[in-house]
Protein backbone atom coordinates (compact mmCIF):
# COMPACT_ATOMS: atom_id res chain seq x y z
CA MET A 1 0.00 0.00 0.00
CA ALA A 2 1.06 3.57 -0.68
CA SER A 3 -0.35 6.99 0.01
CA ILE A 4 -1.31 8.53 -3.32
CA GLN A 5 -2.28 12.21 -3.63
CA VAL A 6 -4.54 13.03 -6.55
CA ARG A 7 -6.89 15.90 -7.36
CA ILE A 8 -10.28 14.55 -8.44
CA ASN A 9 -12.87 17.05 -9.66
CA GLY A 10 -10.94 19.86 -8.00
CA GLU A 11 -10.63 18.18 -4.60
CA MET A 12 -7.27 16.89 -3.37
CA ARG A 13 -7.60 13.34 -2.09
CA ALA A 14 -5.18 11.07 -0.29
CA MET A 15 -5.70 7.36 -0.81
CA GLU A 16 -3.98 4.38 0.77
CA VAL A 17 -3.93 2.01 -2.19
CA ASP A 18 -1.80 -0.46 -4.07
CA PRO A 19 0.17 1.78 -6.49
CA GLN A 20 -0.65 -0.62 -9.34
CA MET A 21 -4.41 -0.42 -8.75
CA PRO A 22 -6.15 0.88 -11.88
CA LEU A 23 -7.25 4.50 -11.54
CA LEU A 24 -10.81 3.37 -12.30
CA TRP A 25 -11.02 1.42 -9.03
CA ALA A 26 -9.47 4.25 -7.02
CA ILE A 27 -12.11 6.61 -8.45
CA ARG A 28 -15.01 4.24 -7.85
CA ASP A 29 -14.02 2.43 -4.65
CA PHE A 30 -11.94 5.00 -2.78
CA ALA A 31 -13.35 8.31 -4.03
CA GLY A 32 -16.90 6.93 -4.25
CA LEU A 33 -17.54 8.38 -7.72
CA THR A 34 -19.42 5.72 -9.65
CA GLY A 35 -20.23 7.61 -12.87
CA THR A 36 -17.06 6.25 -14.47
CA LYS A 37 -17.90 2.73 -15.62
CA PHE A 38 -16.02 -0.55 -15.90
CA GLY A 39 -16.55 -2.04 -19.32
CA CYS A 40 -13.78 -4.30 -20.55
CA GLY A 41 -10.78 -3.80 -18.25
CA ILE A 42 -8.34 -3.68 -21.16
CA GLY A 43 -8.76 -0.12 -22.41
CA GLN A 44 -10.73 -1.04 -25.50
CA CYS A 45 -14.35 0.05 -24.89
CA GLY A 46 -13.88 3.53 -23.41
CA ALA A 47 -16.60 3.33 -20.75
CA CYS A 48 -13.96 4.25 -18.14
CA THR A 49 -12.80 7.46 -19.85
CA VAL A 50 -11.84 10.37 -17.58
CA HIS A 51 -9.68 13.46 -18.10
CA LEU A 52 -6.10 13.42 -16.86
CA ASP A 53 -4.86 17.02 -16.88
CA GLY A 54 -7.52 17.72 -19.55
CA VAL A 55 -6.71 14.76 -21.81
CA ALA A 56 -9.14 11.86 -22.26
CA VAL A 57 -7.65 8.63 -20.88
CA LYS A 58 -8.99 5.16 -20.20
CA SER A 59 -8.79 4.71 -16.46
CA CYS A 60 -9.11 0.92 -16.34
CA THR A 61 -5.51 0.33 -17.45
CA LEU A 62 -3.80 3.35 -15.88
CA PRO A 63 -2.08 2.59 -12.55
CA VAL A 64 -3.09 5.08 -9.87
CA SER A 65 0.62 5.72 -9.14
CA VAL A 66 0.94 7.40 -12.56
CA VAL A 67 -1.56 10.09 -11.59
CA GLN A 68 0.19 11.13 -8.36
CA GLY A 69 -0.11 14.92 -8.14
CA LYS A 70 -2.15 15.22 -11.33
CA SER A 71 -5.68 16.43 -11.91
CA ILE A 72 -8.49 14.01 -12.76
CA THR A 73 -11.95 15.02 -13.95
CA THR A 74 -14.75 12.46 -13.95
CA ILE A 75 -18.25 12.78 -15.38
CA GLU A 76 -19.35 14.06 -11.96
CA GLY A 77 -16.81 16.88 -12.22
CA LEU A 78 -17.73 17.97 -15.75
CA SER A 79 -20.70 19.93 -14.40
CA ALA A 80 -22.58 19.30 -11.18
CA ASP A 81 -25.79 20.85 -12.51
CA HIS A 82 -25.68 19.34 -16.03
CA SER A 83 -25.04 22.77 -17.54
CA HIS A 84 -22.13 21.62 -19.72
CA PRO A 85 -23.17 21.98 -23.39
CA LEU A 86 -22.55 18.27 -24.00
CA GLN A 87 -24.74 17.26 -21.07
CA GLN A 88 -27.47 19.60 -22.30
CA ALA A 89 -27.22 18.23 -25.84
CA TRP A 90 -27.21 14.62 -24.57
CA ILE A 91 -30.47 15.29 -22.73
CA GLU A 92 -32.10 17.20 -25.60
CA GLU A 93 -31.18 14.54 -28.15
CA GLN A 94 -32.12 11.68 -25.80
CA VAL A 95 -28.83 9.99 -26.61
CA PRO A 96 -28.70 7.11 -24.11
CA GLN A 97 -30.41 3.82 -24.67
CA CYS A 98 -28.97 1.63 -21.92
CA GLY A 99 -26.67 4.52 -20.92
CA TYR A 100 -23.70 2.42 -19.82
CA CYS A 101 -21.13 3.97 -22.17
CA GLN A 102 -22.44 7.51 -21.93
CA SER A 103 -20.02 8.91 -19.35
CA GLY A 104 -17.14 7.66 -21.51
CA GLN A 105 -18.77 9.12 -24.62
CA ILE A 106 -19.35 12.51 -22.98
CA MET A 107 -15.87 12.71 -21.43
CA THR A 108 -14.24 11.82 -24.76
CA ALA A 109 -16.32 14.42 -26.60
CA ALA A 110 -15.60 17.03 -23.91
CA ALA A 111 -11.83 16.55 -24.25
CA LEU A 112 -12.16 16.86 -28.03
CA LEU A 113 -14.22 20.06 -27.87
CA LYS A 114 -11.93 21.62 -25.29
CA LYS A 115 -8.93 20.98 -27.55
CA ASN A 116 -10.80 21.80 -30.77
CA PRO A 117 -14.08 23.73 -30.38
CA HIS A 118 -14.96 23.31 -34.07
CA PRO A 119 -13.84 19.81 -35.14
CA SER A 120 -14.47 18.43 -38.59
CA ASP A 121 -16.62 15.31 -39.02
CA LYS A 122 -13.46 13.28 -39.47
CA GLU A 123 -11.95 14.67 -36.25
CA VAL A 124 -15.13 13.81 -34.36
CA SER A 125 -15.11 10.29 -35.81
CA ASN A 126 -11.46 9.78 -34.95
CA ALA A 127 -11.86 11.02 -31.37
CA MET A 128 -15.02 9.02 -30.71
CA SER A 129 -13.84 5.78 -32.35
CA GLY A 130 -12.36 4.53 -29.08
CA VAL A 131 -15.65 4.48 -27.17
CA TYR A 132 -18.06 1.68 -28.03
CA CYS A 133 -21.82 1.85 -27.74
CA ARG A 134 -23.28 -1.64 -27.75
CA CYS A 135 -26.76 -0.16 -28.29
CA GLY A 136 -25.64 1.63 -31.46
CA THR A 137 -26.66 5.17 -30.53
CA TYR A 138 -23.86 6.60 -32.68
CA PRO A 139 -26.16 8.80 -34.82
CA ARG A 140 -27.62 10.41 -31.67
CA ILE A 141 -24.13 10.80 -30.17
CA ARG A 142 -22.91 12.60 -33.30
CA LYS A 143 -26.04 14.78 -33.36
CA ALA A 144 -25.53 15.71 -29.70
CA ILE A 145 -21.87 16.63 -30.30
CA THR A 146 -22.93 18.86 -33.21
CA LYS A 147 -25.60 20.45 -31.00
CA ALA A 148 -23.09 21.00 -28.18
CA ILE A 149 -20.83 22.89 -30.58
CA THR A 150 -23.79 25.17 -31.36
CA LEU A 151 -24.72 25.52 -27.66
CA SER A 152 -21.12 26.45 -26.84
CA LYS A 153 -21.33 29.40 -29.24
CA SER A 154 -24.45 30.78 -27.46
């Protein structure tokens, strides 16, 4: 066990954990933030996506020791009142079906739009290709991202 210091959603947290524990489990089990989902455990599905210093990363394969002293943002930290343009667009477009992948979808899209507020269709496709939706809501996801770009301009 080691004492790991990490900032999650703006709050500094100290955790006594195995340094090799995946960040996902530290977020869910030690920080109590369950919006970040476990999907595959091998970094392929994207359900576990969070922001590490503003960059979208898959937390299921990232050892918590790697994030010592860094800043993590989870879906809960994106906007507490659902006022983020992506959250608004997701609700307006009724994107989720089962909803399991949605936090990973939103966090991936948020990192993209922060880096590039006006991405091309190809840039959206490339960024979102690493997050799988088993229900196939990809057309609604794309529509919501397009709407969020418009909402961000308002």
